[in-house]
Amino acid sequence: MLGDSRTKPMEILLVEDGLVDARITIHALRRSGVHHRLTLVRTVHEAILFMKRTGIFARAPRLDLLLLDMILPDGTGLDVLEEMLEIHPDSARITTVVLTALEDETYRQRCDELGVYDYIQKPVSEEEFLRVVRDHKKLMIHLQQVAVATADQEAQGSSVSSS
């Protein structure tokens, strides 16, 4: 089950300067049944501090999902994505979903180049949004199960070889 308390909560960063849009997203997540913890920031600067775990975000969790508005008061979501590539250049990058009213194909193409998982136009269809979040949570649960199974196999292998 997606809301199963035995799985770790999905760590979500919502980068959204519009409080109405943020509230809609937060309420949709609550109705999703996905066990999660959400942090809301409203600027590119705050998002970067969070991802770097500096300043007031020194104890920030490792993100599982980034929900990103494209137009922010101090820059664009592209600024966040480009900085994220510098912070997480390896394959362990954060799954990103862009939620934007922007209808500029150049931005969308650049998001594709930067590895954005999904690009959803505002006003966001709650059904589409929840499908994306639930799909990511299912993947997260699967990866946790694979990691546990692999660790168990390695532990059994080392105990057999040491006997």
Protein backbone atom coordinates (compact mmCIF):
# COMPACT_ATOMS: atom_id res chain seq x y z
CA MET A 1 0.00 0.00 0.00
CA LEU A 2 1.26 3.48 -0.84
CA GLY A 3 0.46 4.93 2.58
CA ASP A 4 2.06 2.01 4.41
CA SER A 5 3.82 3.29 7.51
CA ARG A 6 6.53 0.62 7.11
CA THR A 7 7.96 2.50 4.15
CA LYS A 8 9.88 5.68 4.70
CA PRO A 9 7.96 8.83 3.87
CA MET A 10 8.58 10.35 0.46
CA GLU A 11 10.63 13.53 1.00
CA ILE A 12 9.15 16.23 -1.23
CA LEU A 13 10.36 19.78 -1.89
CA LEU A 14 7.72 22.07 -3.37
CA VAL A 15 9.22 25.19 -4.98
CA GLU A 16 6.22 27.44 -5.53
CA ASP A 17 5.83 31.18 -4.92
CA GLY A 18 2.05 31.22 -5.42
CA LEU A 19 0.37 30.42 -2.12
CA VAL A 20 -2.91 29.35 -3.76
CA ASP A 21 -1.06 26.91 -6.04
CA ALA A 22 0.98 25.66 -3.07
CA ARG A 23 -2.18 25.09 -1.03
CA ILE A 24 -3.81 23.16 -3.90
CA THR A 25 -0.72 20.96 -4.27
CA ILE A 26 -0.48 20.33 -0.52
CA HIS A 27 -4.16 19.33 -0.29
CA ALA A 28 -3.81 17.02 -3.31
CA LEU A 29 -0.84 15.32 -1.67
CA ARG A 30 -2.82 14.83 1.54
CA ARG A 31 -5.62 13.15 -0.43
CA SER A 32 -3.16 10.96 -2.34
CA GLY A 33 -2.65 8.42 0.42
CA VAL A 34 1.11 8.65 -0.16
CA HIS A 35 3.13 8.75 3.08
CA HIS A 36 5.23 11.91 2.65
CA ARG A 37 6.91 14.90 4.27
CA LEU A 38 6.77 18.16 2.37
CA THR A 39 8.87 21.29 2.57
CA LEU A 40 7.67 24.46 0.82
CA VAL A 41 10.11 27.10 -0.40
CA ARG A 42 9.22 30.10 -2.53
CA THR A 43 12.43 31.14 -4.32
CA VAL A 44 15.30 29.75 -6.39
CA HIS A 45 17.70 30.80 -3.61
CA GLU A 46 15.79 28.85 -0.93
CA ALA A 47 15.55 25.78 -3.18
CA ILE A 48 19.30 25.79 -3.77
CA LEU A 49 20.04 26.21 -0.05
CA PHE A 50 17.74 23.26 0.66
CA MET A 51 19.39 21.00 -1.93
CA LYS A 52 22.88 21.98 -0.71
CA ARG A 53 21.75 21.53 2.92
CA THR A 54 23.18 24.86 3.99
CA GLY A 55 22.01 27.70 6.21
CA ILE A 56 18.63 27.09 7.79
CA PHE A 57 18.36 23.88 5.72
CA ALA A 58 21.53 22.26 7.13
CA ARG A 59 19.45 19.34 8.42
CA ALA A 60 17.30 18.98 5.30
CA PRO A 61 16.48 15.42 4.25
CA ARG A 62 17.65 13.86 1.00
CA LEU A 63 14.91 14.55 -1.54
CA ASP A 64 12.88 11.92 -3.33
CA LEU A 65 10.74 14.31 -5.37
CA LEU A 66 11.07 17.93 -6.46
CA LEU A 67 7.87 19.76 -7.47
CA LEU A 68 9.02 22.86 -9.29
CA ASP A 69 7.27 25.98 -10.53
CA MET A 70 9.00 27.49 -13.55
CA ILE A 71 8.55 31.22 -12.85
CA LEU A 72 9.86 32.33 -9.45
CA PRO A 73 10.52 35.77 -7.97
CA ASP A 74 14.31 35.51 -8.20
CA GLY A 75 14.75 33.42 -11.36
CA THR A 76 13.33 30.38 -13.09
CA GLY A 77 12.97 26.70 -12.38
CA LEU A 78 15.72 26.20 -14.97
CA ASP A 79 18.11 27.91 -12.53
CA VAL A 80 17.14 25.33 -9.90
CA LEU A 81 17.55 22.43 -12.36
CA GLU A 82 20.96 23.61 -13.56
CA GLU A 83 22.19 24.03 -9.98
CA MET A 84 20.80 20.61 -9.11
CA LEU A 85 22.94 19.07 -11.87
CA GLU A 86 26.01 20.56 -10.21
CA ILE A 87 24.95 19.30 -6.77
CA HIS A 88 23.84 15.83 -7.97
CA PRO A 89 25.78 15.10 -11.19
CA ASP A 90 25.46 11.33 -10.84
CA SER A 91 22.53 9.03 -11.49
CA ALA A 92 21.12 9.66 -8.01
CA ARG A 93 19.53 12.88 -9.20
CA ILE A 94 16.20 13.90 -7.77
CA THR A 95 13.01 13.07 -9.66
CA THR A 96 11.57 16.41 -10.78
CA VAL A 97 8.06 17.33 -11.84
CA VAL A 98 7.54 20.82 -13.26
CA LEU A 99 4.17 22.42 -12.47
CA THR A 100 3.81 25.60 -14.52
CA ALA A 101 1.45 27.89 -16.37
CA LEU A 102 4.29 28.76 -18.76
CA GLU A 103 3.53 27.68 -22.32
CA ASP A 104 6.99 28.28 -23.78
CA GLU A 105 8.25 25.28 -25.79
CA THR A 106 11.87 26.40 -25.27
CA TYR A 107 11.50 25.96 -21.50
CA ARG A 108 9.92 22.54 -21.98
CA GLN A 109 12.72 21.39 -24.29
CA ARG A 110 15.35 22.61 -21.82
CA CYS A 111 13.54 20.73 -19.01
CA ASP A 112 13.70 17.56 -21.13
CA GLU A 113 17.43 18.11 -21.65
CA LEU A 114 17.88 18.52 -17.89
CA GLY A 115 16.13 15.23 -17.15
CA VAL A 116 12.75 16.43 -15.87
CA TYR A 117 10.51 13.42 -15.16
CA ASP A 118 7.22 15.13 -16.00
CA TYR A 119 6.02 18.57 -17.12
CA ILE A 120 2.46 19.44 -16.10
CA GLN A 121 0.63 22.57 -17.23
CA LYS A 122 -1.31 24.67 -14.70
CA PRO A 123 -4.08 24.60 -13.85
CA VAL A 124 -2.94 21.13 -12.83
CA SER A 125 -5.31 18.23 -13.23
CA GLU A 126 -5.35 16.63 -9.78
CA GLU A 127 -5.77 13.20 -11.36
CA GLU A 128 -2.66 13.61 -13.52
CA PHE A 129 -0.66 15.06 -10.63
CA LEU A 130 -1.62 12.21 -8.29
CA ARG A 131 -0.78 9.63 -10.97
CA VAL A 132 2.76 11.03 -11.20
CA VAL A 133 3.23 11.12 -7.40
CA ARG A 134 1.85 7.61 -6.92
CA ASP A 135 3.97 6.23 -9.77
CA HIS A 136 7.07 7.71 -8.16
CA LYS A 137 6.15 6.32 -4.74
CA LYS A 138 5.66 2.83 -6.23
CA LEU A 139 9.11 3.07 -7.81
CA MET A 140 10.57 4.25 -4.50
CA ILE A 141 9.02 1.30 -2.63
CA HIS A 142 10.31 -1.12 -5.27
CA LEU A 143 13.84 0.28 -5.05
CA GLN A 144 13.74 0.00 -1.23
CA GLN A 145 12.67 -3.65 -1.51
CA VAL A 146 15.44 -4.38 -4.02
CA ALA A 147 18.02 -2.71 -1.76
CA VAL A 148 16.88 -4.75 1.25
CA ALA A 149 16.89 -8.01 -0.76
CA THR A 150 20.38 -7.26 -2.11
CA ALA A 151 21.69 -6.45 1.38
CA ASP A 152 20.16 -9.70 2.70
CA GLN A 153 21.79 -11.71 -0.10
CA GLU A 154 25.17 -10.06 0.53
CA ALA A 155 24.89 -10.73 4.26
CA GLN A 156 24.05 -14.40 3.61
CA GLY A 157 26.91 -14.69 1.16
CA SER A 158 29.42 -13.25 3.61
CA SER A 159 28.21 -15.48 6.47
CA VAL A 160 28.50 -18.56 4.24
CA SER A 161 32.02 -17.63 3.10
CA SER A 162 33.19 -16.95 6.66
CA SER A 163 32.00 -20.37 7.93
